[in-house]
Amino acid sequence: MRALLQRVTHASVTVEGDVVGRTGPGLLILICAMQGDAEAQADQLAAKIAKLRIFVDDAGKMNRSVRDIGGSALVVSQFTLAADTSRGNRPGFSSAAAPDEGRRLYEYFAQRLAAEGVPVETGQFGADMKVELLNDGPVTIWMES
């Protein structure tokens, strides 16, 4: 699985004019299941993200996790993280998981992150979503499992 984490002050996702998910201080997580991924990759990624120390402590150092700060996460499916730009000018997405498997692993990842003690809201898989965020730092981190 691939994930792009953004430490945010707030973030929301809108589908057809309706806000379907939001977070206050915490993380916006754009997530993509890749071909060959299984629950093990989602488990590993959720556990790592829940413990990742990218929030500042009282000394101003990145030493606290999203759980430590009482933050939450907005998890948004983003198959374009699978983009292959090595040839030509049009990205290819053939390394992304098939839509049914991508949806299953996306939903499973969100559940696993919640089980790690992080309150989670989600976008809407496969929808045309509008994502709004205020990146804090900015801090943006790329992860793969």
C-alpha atoms as a PDB file:
ATOM      1  CA  MET A   1       0.000   0.000   0.000  1.00  0.00           C
ATOM      2  CA  ARG A   2       1.069   3.558  -0.611  1.00  0.00           C
ATOM      3  CA  ALA A   3       0.123   6.462   1.607  1.00  0.00           C
ATOM      4  CA  LEU A   4       0.742  10.167   1.555  1.00  0.00           C
ATOM      5  CA  LEU A   5       0.341  11.686   5.019  1.00  0.00           C
ATOM      6  CA  GLN A   6      -0.194  15.359   5.621  1.00  0.00           C
ATOM      7  CA  ARG A   7      -0.150  16.795   9.119  1.00  0.00           C
ATOM      8  CA  VAL A   8      -3.145  19.122   9.133  1.00  0.00           C
ATOM      9  CA  THR A   9      -4.848  21.705  11.289  1.00  0.00           C
ATOM     10  CA  HIS A  10      -8.062  20.615   9.580  1.00  0.00           C
ATOM     11  CA  ALA A  11      -9.188  18.802   6.440  1.00  0.00           C
ATOM     12  CA  SER A  12     -12.459  17.846   4.804  1.00  0.00           C
ATOM     13  CA  VAL A  13     -13.698  15.962   1.769  1.00  0.00           C
ATOM     14  CA  THR A  14     -16.806  16.959  -0.168  1.00  0.00           C
ATOM     15  CA  VAL A  15     -18.807  14.889  -2.652  1.00  0.00           C
ATOM     16  CA  GLU A  16     -21.488  16.631  -4.732  1.00  0.00           C
ATOM     17  CA  GLY A  17     -21.565  19.583  -2.346  1.00  0.00           C
ATOM     18  CA  ASP A  18     -21.886  17.496   0.853  1.00  0.00           C
ATOM     19  CA  VAL A  19     -19.064  17.113   3.374  1.00  0.00           C
ATOM     20  CA  VAL A  20     -18.657  13.347   3.810  1.00  0.00           C
ATOM     21  CA  GLY A  21     -15.618  13.356   6.109  1.00  0.00           C
ATOM     22  CA  ARG A  22     -13.488  15.759   8.118  1.00  0.00           C
ATOM     23  CA  THR A  23     -10.767  15.953  10.701  1.00  0.00           C
ATOM     24  CA  GLY A  24      -9.546  18.590  13.088  1.00  0.00           C
ATOM     25  CA  PRO A  25      -5.900  18.543  14.152  1.00  0.00           C
ATOM     26  CA  GLY A  26      -4.396  15.305  12.915  1.00  0.00           C
ATOM     27  CA  LEU A  27      -3.722  13.632   9.593  1.00  0.00           C
ATOM     28  CA  LEU A  28      -5.047  13.651   6.067  1.00  0.00           C
ATOM     29  CA  ILE A  29      -4.083  10.245   4.661  1.00  0.00           C
ATOM     30  CA  LEU A  30      -4.302   9.651   0.920  1.00  0.00           C
ATOM     31  CA  ILE A  31      -4.137   5.864   0.431  1.00  0.00           C
ATOM     32  CA  CYS A  32      -3.756   3.499  -2.530  1.00  0.00           C
ATOM     33  CA  ALA A  33      -3.848  -0.284  -2.567  1.00  0.00           C
ATOM     34  CA  MET A  34      -1.390  -1.770  -5.034  1.00  0.00           C
ATOM     35  CA  GLN A  35      -1.592  -5.057  -6.923  1.00  0.00           C
ATOM     36  CA  GLY A  36      -0.552  -7.879  -4.619  1.00  0.00           C
ATOM     37  CA  ASP A  37      -1.403  -6.005  -1.417  1.00  0.00           C
ATOM     38  CA  ALA A  38      -3.268  -7.839   1.330  1.00  0.00           C
ATOM     39  CA  GLU A  39      -4.442  -7.230   4.883  1.00  0.00           C
ATOM     40  CA  ALA A  40      -0.870  -7.615   6.170  1.00  0.00           C
ATOM     41  CA  GLN A  41       0.229  -4.451   4.355  1.00  0.00           C
ATOM     42  CA  ALA A  42      -2.760  -2.505   5.685  1.00  0.00           C
ATOM     43  CA  ASP A  43      -2.099  -3.763   9.233  1.00  0.00           C
ATOM     44  CA  GLN A  44       1.559  -2.749   9.040  1.00  0.00           C
ATOM     45  CA  LEU A  45       0.800   0.688   7.626  1.00  0.00           C
ATOM     46  CA  ALA A  46      -1.984   1.459  10.120  1.00  0.00           C
ATOM     47  CA  ALA A  47       0.198   0.460  13.085  1.00  0.00           C
ATOM     48  CA  LYS A  48       3.130   2.548  11.828  1.00  0.00           C
ATOM     49  CA  ILE A  49       1.009   5.631  11.127  1.00  0.00           C
ATOM     50  CA  ALA A  50      -0.687   5.504  14.544  1.00  0.00           C
ATOM     51  CA  LYS A  51       2.755   5.607  16.219  1.00  0.00           C
ATOM     52  CA  LEU A  52       4.564   7.923  13.792  1.00  0.00           C
ATOM     53  CA  ARG A  53       6.012  10.834  15.772  1.00  0.00           C
ATOM     54  CA  ILE A  54       5.441  13.827  13.504  1.00  0.00           C
ATOM     55  CA  PHE A  55       3.658  16.204  15.887  1.00  0.00           C
ATOM     56  CA  VAL A  56       5.591  18.670  18.009  1.00  0.00           C
ATOM     57  CA  ASP A  57       6.099  18.290  21.733  1.00  0.00           C
ATOM     58  CA  ASP A  58       6.489  21.100  24.269  1.00  0.00           C
ATOM     59  CA  ALA A  59      10.112  21.570  23.195  1.00  0.00           C
ATOM     60  CA  GLY A  60       9.078  22.087  19.559  1.00  0.00           C
ATOM     61  CA  LYS A  61      10.482  18.735  18.358  1.00  0.00           C
ATOM     62  CA  MET A  62       8.537  16.218  16.285  1.00  0.00           C
ATOM     63  CA  ASN A  63       8.162  13.703  19.077  1.00  0.00           C
ATOM     64  CA  ARG A  64       4.426  12.971  19.397  1.00  0.00           C
ATOM     65  CA  SER A  65       2.079  10.719  17.434  1.00  0.00           C
ATOM     66  CA  VAL A  66      -1.452  11.454  16.290  1.00  0.00           C
ATOM     67  CA  ARG A  67      -2.631   9.334  19.232  1.00  0.00           C
ATOM     68  CA  ASP A  68      -0.421  11.296  21.650  1.00  0.00           C
ATOM     69  CA  ILE A  69      -2.049  14.585  20.653  1.00  0.00           C
ATOM     70  CA  GLY A  70      -5.596  13.192  20.690  1.00  0.00           C
ATOM     71  CA  GLY A  71      -5.820  13.839  16.945  1.00  0.00           C
ATOM     72  CA  SER A  72      -7.854  12.129  14.257  1.00  0.00           C
ATOM     73  CA  ALA A  73      -7.462  11.108  10.633  1.00  0.00           C
ATOM     74  CA  LEU A  74      -9.298  11.686   7.394  1.00  0.00           C
ATOM     75  CA  VAL A  75      -8.583   8.720   5.087  1.00  0.00           C
ATOM     76  CA  VAL A  76      -9.155   9.311   1.368  1.00  0.00           C
ATOM     77  CA  SER A  77      -8.742   6.734  -1.400  1.00  0.00           C
ATOM     78  CA  GLN A  78      -6.381   7.927  -4.120  1.00  0.00           C
ATOM     79  CA  PHE A  79      -5.545   5.433  -6.854  1.00  0.00           C
ATOM     80  CA  THR A  80      -3.397   8.050  -8.586  1.00  0.00           C
ATOM     81  CA  LEU A  81      -0.673   7.337  -6.011  1.00  0.00           C
ATOM     82  CA  ALA A  82       0.013   4.301  -8.220  1.00  0.00           C
ATOM     83  CA  ALA A  83       0.932   6.550 -11.159  1.00  0.00           C
ATOM     84  CA  ASP A  84       3.750   5.326 -13.385  1.00  0.00           C
ATOM     85  CA  THR A  85       5.267   8.325 -15.138  1.00  0.00           C
ATOM     86  CA  SER A  86       8.332   6.547 -16.524  1.00  0.00           C
ATOM     87  CA  ARG A  87       7.132   6.564 -20.130  1.00  0.00           C
ATOM     88  CA  GLY A  88       5.431   9.261 -22.136  1.00  0.00           C
ATOM     89  CA  ASN A  89       3.399  12.134 -20.758  1.00  0.00           C
ATOM     90  CA  ARG A  90       0.317  10.269 -19.598  1.00  0.00           C
ATOM     91  CA  PRO A  91       0.580   8.361 -16.308  1.00  0.00           C
ATOM     92  CA  GLY A  92      -0.322   4.696 -16.180  1.00  0.00           C
ATOM     93  CA  PHE A  93      -2.157   3.186 -13.223  1.00  0.00           C
ATOM     94  CA  SER A  94      -1.913  -0.548 -13.968  1.00  0.00           C
ATOM     95  CA  SER A  95      -0.014  -1.222 -10.714  1.00  0.00           C
ATOM     96  CA  ALA A  96      -3.016  -0.127  -8.614  1.00  0.00           C
ATOM     97  CA  ALA A  97      -5.214  -2.861  -7.187  1.00  0.00           C
ATOM     98  CA  ALA A  98      -8.409  -3.654  -9.086  1.00  0.00           C
ATOM     99  CA  PRO A  99     -11.319  -1.444  -7.938  1.00  0.00           C
ATOM    100  CA  ASP A 100     -13.103  -4.086  -5.825  1.00  0.00           C
ATOM    101  CA  GLU A 101      -9.889  -5.100  -4.077  1.00  0.00           C
ATOM    102  CA  GLY A 102      -8.832  -1.455  -3.729  1.00  0.00           C
ATOM    103  CA  ARG A 103     -12.119  -0.612  -2.013  1.00  0.00           C
ATOM    104  CA  ARG A 104     -11.868  -3.608   0.305  1.00  0.00           C
ATOM    105  CA  LEU A 105      -8.316  -2.762   1.376  1.00  0.00           C
ATOM    106  CA  TYR A 106      -9.102   0.958   1.713  1.00  0.00           C
ATOM    107  CA  GLU A 107     -11.997   0.191   4.048  1.00  0.00           C
ATOM    108  CA  TYR A 108      -9.929  -2.402   5.911  1.00  0.00           C
ATOM    109  CA  PHE A 109      -7.071   0.106   6.393  1.00  0.00           C
ATOM    110  CA  ALA A 110      -9.481   2.695   7.834  1.00  0.00           C
ATOM    111  CA  GLN A 111     -10.854   0.092  10.252  1.00  0.00           C
ATOM    112  CA  ARG A 112      -7.356  -0.978  11.303  1.00  0.00           C
ATOM    113  CA  LEU A 113      -6.287   2.625  11.929  1.00  0.00           C
ATOM    114  CA  ALA A 114      -9.372   3.138  14.087  1.00  0.00           C
ATOM    115  CA  ALA A 115      -8.521  -0.071  15.964  1.00  0.00           C
ATOM    116  CA  GLU A 116      -5.112   1.493  16.684  1.00  0.00           C
ATOM    117  CA  GLY A 117      -6.917   4.207  18.651  1.00  0.00           C
ATOM    118  CA  VAL A 118      -7.109   6.926  15.998  1.00  0.00           C
ATOM    119  CA  PRO A 119     -10.595   8.351  15.312  1.00  0.00           C
ATOM    120  CA  VAL A 120     -11.156   7.998  11.558  1.00  0.00           C
ATOM    121  CA  GLU A 121     -13.441   9.557   8.992  1.00  0.00           C
ATOM    122  CA  THR A 122     -13.260   8.707   5.304  1.00  0.00           C
ATOM    123  CA  GLY A 123     -13.915  10.007   1.851  1.00  0.00           C
ATOM    124  CA  GLN A 124     -16.118   8.116  -0.605  1.00  0.00           C
ATOM    125  CA  PHE A 125     -14.318   5.455  -2.630  1.00  0.00           C
ATOM    126  CA  GLY A 126     -14.472   6.049  -6.377  1.00  0.00           C
ATOM    127  CA  ALA A 127     -16.275   9.382  -6.090  1.00  0.00           C
ATOM    128  CA  ASP A 128     -15.204  12.709  -7.551  1.00  0.00           C
ATOM    129  CA  MET A 129     -14.039  14.250  -4.283  1.00  0.00           C
ATOM    130  CA  LYS A 130     -12.975  17.762  -3.396  1.00  0.00           C
ATOM    131  CA  VAL A 131     -10.382  17.746  -0.621  1.00  0.00           C
ATOM    132  CA  GLU A 132      -9.689  20.862   1.395  1.00  0.00           C
ATOM    133  CA  LEU A 133      -6.901  21.057   3.956  1.00  0.00           C
ATOM    134  CA  LEU A 134      -4.658  23.324   5.935  1.00  0.00           C
ATOM    135  CA  ASN A 135      -1.269  21.607   5.996  1.00  0.00           C
ATOM    136  CA  ASP A 136       0.466  22.144   9.340  1.00  0.00           C
ATOM    137  CA  GLY A 137       4.195  22.753   9.076  1.00  0.00           C
ATOM    138  CA  PRO A 138       3.961  21.876   6.264  1.00  0.00           C
ATOM    139  CA  VAL A 139       4.651  18.231   7.038  1.00  0.00           C
ATOM    140  CA  THR A 140       4.039  15.745   4.226  1.00  0.00           C
ATOM    141  CA  ILE A 141       5.348  12.178   4.363  1.00  0.00           C
ATOM    142  CA  TRP A 142       5.326   9.392   1.767  1.00  0.00           C
ATOM    143  CA  MET A 143       5.002   5.804   3.039  1.00  0.00           C
ATOM    144  CA  GLU A 144       4.862   2.342   1.481  1.00  0.00           C
ATOM    145  CA  SER A 145       4.304  -1.058   3.034  1.00  0.00           C
END
